[in-house]
PDB file of N, CA and C in Angstrom:
ATOM      1  N   MET A   1      94.314 -35.068 -49.952  1.00  0.00           N
ATOM      2  CA  MET A   1      93.272 -34.585 -48.652  1.00  0.00           C
ATOM      3  C   MET A   1      91.924 -35.208 -48.947  1.00  0.00           C
ATOM      4  N   TYR A   2      91.519 -35.417 -47.785  1.00  0.00           N
ATOM      5  CA  TYR A   2      90.439 -36.232 -47.882  1.00  0.00           C
ATOM      6  C   TYR A   2      89.233 -35.661 -47.107  1.00  0.00           C
ATOM      7  N   ALA A   3      88.222 -35.059 -47.643  1.00  0.00           N
ATOM      8  CA  ALA A   3      87.111 -33.986 -46.967  1.00  0.00           C
ATOM      9  C   ALA A   3      87.866 -33.052 -46.545  1.00  0.00           C
ATOM     10  N   GLY A   4      88.775 -32.184 -47.409  1.00  0.00           N
ATOM     11  CA  GLY A   4      88.979 -31.144 -46.669  1.00  0.00           C
ATOM     12  C   GLY A   4      90.358 -31.224 -45.857  1.00  0.00           C
ATOM     13  N   ARG A   5      90.944 -32.618 -45.474  1.00  0.00           N
ATOM     14  CA  ARG A   5      91.728 -32.808 -44.246  1.00  0.00           C
ATOM     15  C   ARG A   5      93.058 -33.730 -44.772  1.00  0.00           C
ATOM     16  N   ALA A   6      94.251 -33.290 -44.773  1.00  0.00           N
ATOM     17  CA  ALA A   6      95.239 -34.160 -45.032  1.00  0.00           C
ATOM     18  C   ALA A   6      94.960 -35.741 -44.715  1.00  0.00           C
ATOM     19  N   ALA A   7      94.911 -36.651 -45.373  1.00  0.00           N
ATOM     20  CA  ALA A   7      95.070 -37.847 -45.365  1.00  0.00           C
ATOM     21  C   ALA A   7      96.203 -38.638 -45.451  1.00  0.00           C
ATOM     22  N   PHE A   8      96.644 -38.361 -46.307  1.00  0.00           N
ATOM     23  CA  PHE A   8      97.909 -39.226 -46.697  1.00  0.00           C
ATOM     24  C   PHE A   8      98.901 -38.272 -47.548  1.00  0.00           C
ATOM     25  N   SER A   9     100.115 -38.543 -47.843  1.00  0.00           N
ATOM     26  CA  SER A   9     101.083 -37.793 -48.929  1.00  0.00           C
ATOM     27  C   SER A   9     101.908 -38.940 -49.614  1.00  0.00           C
ATOM     28  N   ILE A  10     101.644 -38.666 -51.180  1.00  0.00           N
ATOM     29  CA  ILE A  10     102.140 -39.117 -52.203  1.00  0.00           C
ATOM     30  C   ILE A  10     103.511 -38.620 -52.771  1.00  0.00           C
ATOM     31  N   VAL A  11     104.603 -39.180 -52.719  1.00  0.00           N
ATOM     32  CA  VAL A  11     105.582 -38.241 -53.404  1.00  0.00           C
ATOM     33  C   VAL A  11     105.736 -38.636 -55.160  1.00  0.00           C
ATOM     34  N   LEU A  12     105.583 -37.528 -55.823  1.00  0.00           N
ATOM     35  CA  LEU A  12     105.817 -37.939 -57.335  1.00  0.00           C
ATOM     36  C   LEU A  12     107.171 -37.123 -57.410  1.00  0.00           C
ATOM     37  N   ASN A  13     107.902 -37.904 -58.474  1.00  0.00           N
ATOM     38  CA  ASN A  13     108.938 -37.190 -58.911  1.00  0.00           C
ATOM     39  C   ASN A  13     108.326 -37.026 -60.296  1.00  0.00           C
ATOM     40  N   ALA A  14     108.883 -35.540 -60.599  1.00  0.00           N
ATOM     41  CA  ALA A  14     108.531 -34.995 -61.807  1.00  0.00           C
ATOM     42  C   ALA A  14     109.371 -33.766 -62.284  1.00  0.00           C
ATOM     43  N   PRO A  15     109.577 -33.557 -63.702  1.00  0.00           N
ATOM     44  CA  PRO A  15     110.690 -32.009 -63.958  1.00  0.00           C
ATOM     45  C   PRO A  15     110.554 -31.032 -63.018  1.00  0.00           C
ATOM     46  N   SER A  16     109.327 -30.812 -62.746  1.00  0.00           N
ATOM     47  CA  SER A  16     108.790 -29.694 -62.172  1.00  0.00           C
ATOM     48  C   SER A  16     107.302 -29.758 -61.384  1.00  0.00           C
ATOM     49  N   PRO A  17     107.302 -29.170 -60.491  1.00  0.00           N
ATOM     50  CA  PRO A  17     106.113 -28.912 -59.492  1.00  0.00           C
ATOM     51  C   PRO A  17     104.709 -29.281 -60.454  1.00  0.00           C
ATOM     52  N   GLU A  18     104.384 -28.489 -61.774  1.00  0.00           N
ATOM     53  CA  GLU A  18     103.398 -28.294 -62.398  1.00  0.00           C
ATOM     54  C   GLU A  18     102.744 -30.036 -62.718  1.00  0.00           C
ATOM     55  N   PRO A  19     103.753 -30.690 -63.600  1.00  0.00           N
ATOM     56  CA  PRO A  19     103.268 -31.871 -63.920  1.00  0.00           C
ATOM     57  C   PRO A  19     103.027 -32.864 -62.683  1.00  0.00           C
ATOM     58  N   ALA A  20     103.904 -32.418 -61.579  1.00  0.00           N
ATOM     59  CA  ALA A  20     103.041 -33.347 -60.626  1.00  0.00           C
ATOM     60  C   ALA A  20     102.016 -33.265 -59.629  1.00  0.00           C
ATOM     61  N   LEU A  21     101.564 -31.933 -59.977  1.00  0.00           N
ATOM     62  CA  LEU A  21     100.285 -31.724 -59.442  1.00  0.00           C
ATOM     63  C   LEU A  21      99.039 -32.022 -60.442  1.00  0.00           C
ATOM     64  N   LEU A  22      99.431 -32.082 -61.554  1.00  0.00           N
ATOM     65  CA  LEU A  22      98.760 -32.408 -62.747  1.00  0.00           C
ATOM     66  C   LEU A  22      98.365 -34.107 -62.443  1.00  0.00           C
ATOM     67  N   THR A  23      99.429 -34.716 -62.329  1.00  0.00           N
ATOM     68  CA  THR A  23      99.125 -36.105 -62.341  1.00  0.00           C
ATOM     69  C   THR A  23      98.385 -36.685 -61.011  1.00  0.00           C
ATOM     70  N   ALA A  24      98.859 -35.663 -59.869  1.00  0.00           N
ATOM     71  CA  ALA A  24      98.327 -36.038 -58.404  1.00  0.00           C
ATOM     72  C   ALA A  24      96.653 -35.341 -58.479  1.00  0.00           C
ATOM     73  N   ARG A  25      96.240 -34.672 -59.348  1.00  0.00           N
ATOM     74  CA  ARG A  25      94.671 -34.298 -59.442  1.00  0.00           C
ATOM     75  C   ARG A  25      94.288 -35.272 -60.379  1.00  0.00           C
ATOM     76  N   GLN A  26      95.013 -35.859 -61.531  1.00  0.00           N
ATOM     77  CA  GLN A  26      94.306 -36.886 -62.608  1.00  0.00           C
ATOM     78  C   GLN A  26      93.863 -38.162 -61.178  1.00  0.00           C
ATOM     79  N   MET A  27      94.917 -38.291 -60.570  1.00  0.00           N
ATOM     80  CA  MET A  27      94.723 -39.694 -59.723  1.00  0.00           C
ATOM     81  C   MET A  27      93.599 -39.465 -58.710  1.00  0.00           C
ATOM     82  N   ALA A  28      93.310 -37.896 -58.048  1.00  0.00           N
ATOM     83  CA  ALA A  28      92.310 -37.768 -57.153  1.00  0.00           C
ATOM     84  C   ALA A  28      91.075 -37.928 -57.910  1.00  0.00           C
ATOM     85  N   ASP A  29      91.168 -37.702 -59.108  1.00  0.00           N
ATOM     86  CA  ASP A  29      89.967 -37.691 -60.181  1.00  0.00           C
ATOM     87  C   ASP A  29      89.525 -39.274 -60.263  1.00  0.00           C
ATOM     88  N   ARG A  30      90.424 -40.033 -60.310  1.00  0.00           N
ATOM     89  CA  ARG A  30      90.434 -41.499 -60.482  1.00  0.00           C
ATOM     90  C   ARG A  30      89.806 -42.387 -59.294  1.00  0.00           C
ATOM     91  N   PHE A  31      90.538 -41.555 -58.405  1.00  0.00           N
ATOM     92  CA  PHE A  31      90.095 -42.267 -57.011  1.00  0.00           C
ATOM     93  C   PHE A  31      88.639 -41.905 -56.463  1.00  0.00           C
ATOM     94  N   ASN A  32      88.019 -40.660 -56.873  1.00  0.00           N
ATOM     95  CA  ASN A  32      86.799 -40.399 -56.762  1.00  0.00           C
ATOM     96  C   ASN A  32      85.627 -41.002 -57.740  1.00  0.00           C
ATOM     97  N   GLN A  33      86.213 -41.172 -58.805  1.00  0.00           N
ATOM     98  CA  GLN A  33      85.502 -41.968 -59.888  1.00  0.00           C
ATOM     99  C   GLN A  33      85.185 -43.361 -59.228  1.00  0.00           C
ATOM    100  N   GLN A  34      86.311 -43.993 -58.965  1.00  0.00           N
ATOM    101  CA  GLN A  34      86.285 -45.441 -58.043  1.00  0.00           C
ATOM    102  C   GLN A  34      85.044 -45.253 -56.624  1.00  0.00           C
ATOM    103  N   ALA A  35      85.555 -44.311 -55.815  1.00  0.00           N
ATOM    104  CA  ALA A  35      84.463 -44.098 -54.902  1.00  0.00           C
ATOM    105  C   ALA A  35      83.193 -43.935 -55.052  1.00  0.00           C
ATOM    106  N   ALA A  36      82.820 -42.976 -56.195  1.00  0.00           N
ATOM    107  CA  ALA A  36      81.451 -43.142 -56.696  1.00  0.00           C
ATOM    108  C   ALA A  36      80.759 -44.635 -57.122  1.00  0.00           C
ATOM    109  N   THR A  37      81.813 -45.117 -57.580  1.00  0.00           N
ATOM    110  CA  THR A  37      81.224 -46.473 -58.437  1.00  0.00           C
ATOM    111  C   THR A  37      80.559 -47.519 -57.152  1.00  0.00           C
ATOM    112  N   PHE A  38      81.595 -47.115 -55.923  1.00  0.00           N
ATOM    113  CA  PHE A  38      81.110 -47.975 -54.977  1.00  0.00           C
ATOM    114  C   PHE A  38      80.012 -47.392 -53.947  1.00  0.00           C
ATOM    115  N   GLY A  39      79.469 -46.194 -54.104  1.00  0.00           N
ATOM    116  CA  GLY A  39      78.231 -45.656 -53.442  1.00  0.00           C
ATOM    117  C   GLY A  39      78.846 -44.791 -52.521  1.00  0.00           C
ATOM    118  N   HIS A  40      80.325 -44.221 -52.621  1.00  0.00           N
ATOM    119  CA  HIS A  40      81.033 -43.304 -51.589  1.00  0.00           C
ATOM    120  C   HIS A  40      80.905 -41.925 -52.255  1.00  0.00           C
ATOM    121  N   GLN A  41      80.809 -40.636 -51.430  1.00  0.00           N
ATOM    122  CA  GLN A  41      81.066 -39.356 -51.864  1.00  0.00           C
ATOM    123  C   GLN A  41      82.484 -39.289 -52.253  1.00  0.00           C
ATOM    124  N   PRO A  42      82.497 -38.543 -53.332  1.00  0.00           N
ATOM    125  CA  PRO A  42      83.811 -38.190 -54.238  1.00  0.00           C
ATOM    126  C   PRO A  42      84.321 -37.098 -53.271  1.00  0.00           C
ATOM    127  N   ARG A  43      85.718 -37.369 -52.394  1.00  0.00           N
ATOM    128  CA  ARG A  43      86.112 -36.243 -51.308  1.00  0.00           C
ATOM    129  C   ARG A  43      87.412 -36.257 -51.279  1.00  0.00           C
ATOM    130  N   ILE A  44      88.202 -36.914 -52.374  1.00  0.00           N
ATOM    131  CA  ILE A  44      89.692 -36.642 -52.754  1.00  0.00           C
ATOM    132  C   ILE A  44      89.871 -35.795 -53.048  1.00  0.00           C
ATOM    133  N   THR A  45      90.829 -34.311 -52.793  1.00  0.00           N
ATOM    134  CA  THR A  45      91.706 -33.527 -53.615  1.00  0.00           C
ATOM    135  C   THR A  45      92.894 -33.688 -53.633  1.00  0.00           C
ATOM    136  N   ALA A  46      93.618 -33.143 -54.708  1.00  0.00           N
ATOM    137  CA  ALA A  46      95.294 -32.740 -54.679  1.00  0.00           C
ATOM    138  C   ALA A  46      95.670 -31.630 -54.336  1.00  0.00           C
ATOM    139  N   ARG A  47      96.676 -31.449 -53.612  1.00  0.00           N
ATOM    140  CA  ARG A  47      97.279 -30.095 -53.407  1.00  0.00           C
ATOM    141  C   ARG A  47      98.679 -30.165 -53.392  1.00  0.00           C
ATOM    142  N   ALA A  48      99.363 -29.328 -54.385  1.00  0.00           N
ATOM    143  CA  ALA A  48     100.893 -29.065 -54.260  1.00  0.00           C
ATOM    144  C   ALA A  48     101.523 -28.496 -53.042  1.00  0.00           C
ATOM    145  N   GLY A  49     102.809 -29.022 -52.981  1.00  0.00           N
ATOM    146  CA  GLY A  49     103.366 -28.857 -51.881  1.00  0.00           C
ATOM    147  C   GLY A  49     104.863 -29.123 -52.355  1.00  0.00           C
ATOM    148  N   PHE A  50     106.070 -28.880 -51.326  1.00  0.00           N
ATOM    149  CA  PHE A  50     107.195 -29.349 -51.591  1.00  0.00           C
ATOM    150  C   PHE A  50     108.014 -30.113 -50.449  1.00  0.00           C
ATOM    151  N   CYS A  51     108.268 -31.024 -50.733  1.00  0.00           N
ATOM    152  CA  CYS A  51     108.721 -31.986 -49.869  1.00  0.00           C
ATOM    153  C   CYS A  51     110.512 -32.047 -50.025  1.00  0.00           C
ATOM    154  N   PRO A  52     111.402 -31.640 -49.008  1.00  0.00           N
ATOM    155  CA  PRO A  52     112.935 -31.622 -49.957  1.00  0.00           C
ATOM    156  C   PRO A  52     113.350 -33.068 -49.611  1.00  0.00           C
ATOM    157  N   PRO A  53     114.109 -33.454 -50.370  1.00  0.00           N
ATOM    158  CA  PRO A  53     114.436 -34.955 -50.715  1.00  0.00           C
ATOM    159  C   PRO A  53     115.335 -35.431 -49.377  1.00  0.00           C
ATOM    160  N   SER A  54     115.046 -36.807 -48.995  1.00  0.00           N
ATOM    161  CA  SER A  54     115.281 -37.326 -47.930  1.00  0.00           C
ATOM    162  C   SER A  54     116.416 -38.279 -48.147  1.00  0.00           C
ATOM    163  N   PHE A  55     117.476 -38.629 -47.417  1.00  0.00           N
ATOM    164  CA  PHE A  55     118.766 -39.298 -47.449  1.00  0.00           C
ATOM    165  C   PHE A  55     118.701 -40.591 -46.493  1.00  0.00           C
ATOM    166  N   GLY A  56     118.688 -41.588 -47.242  1.00  0.00           N
ATOM    167  CA  GLY A  56     118.366 -42.672 -45.947  1.00  0.00           C
ATOM    168  C   GLY A  56     119.257 -43.656 -46.531  1.00  0.00           C
TER     169      GLY A  56
END
């Protein structure tokens, strides 16, 4: 999420939703640290959700 709106999706493979959300939150924290370094407001957040597997 960026500024409270869906901005993009990242698929994380994990043994359960909890570690995936933890990783997503850690990534969001790191993105926000980088944004602040460049003078931008930290607006990235993570949200849990389920995506069915895709076969293609």
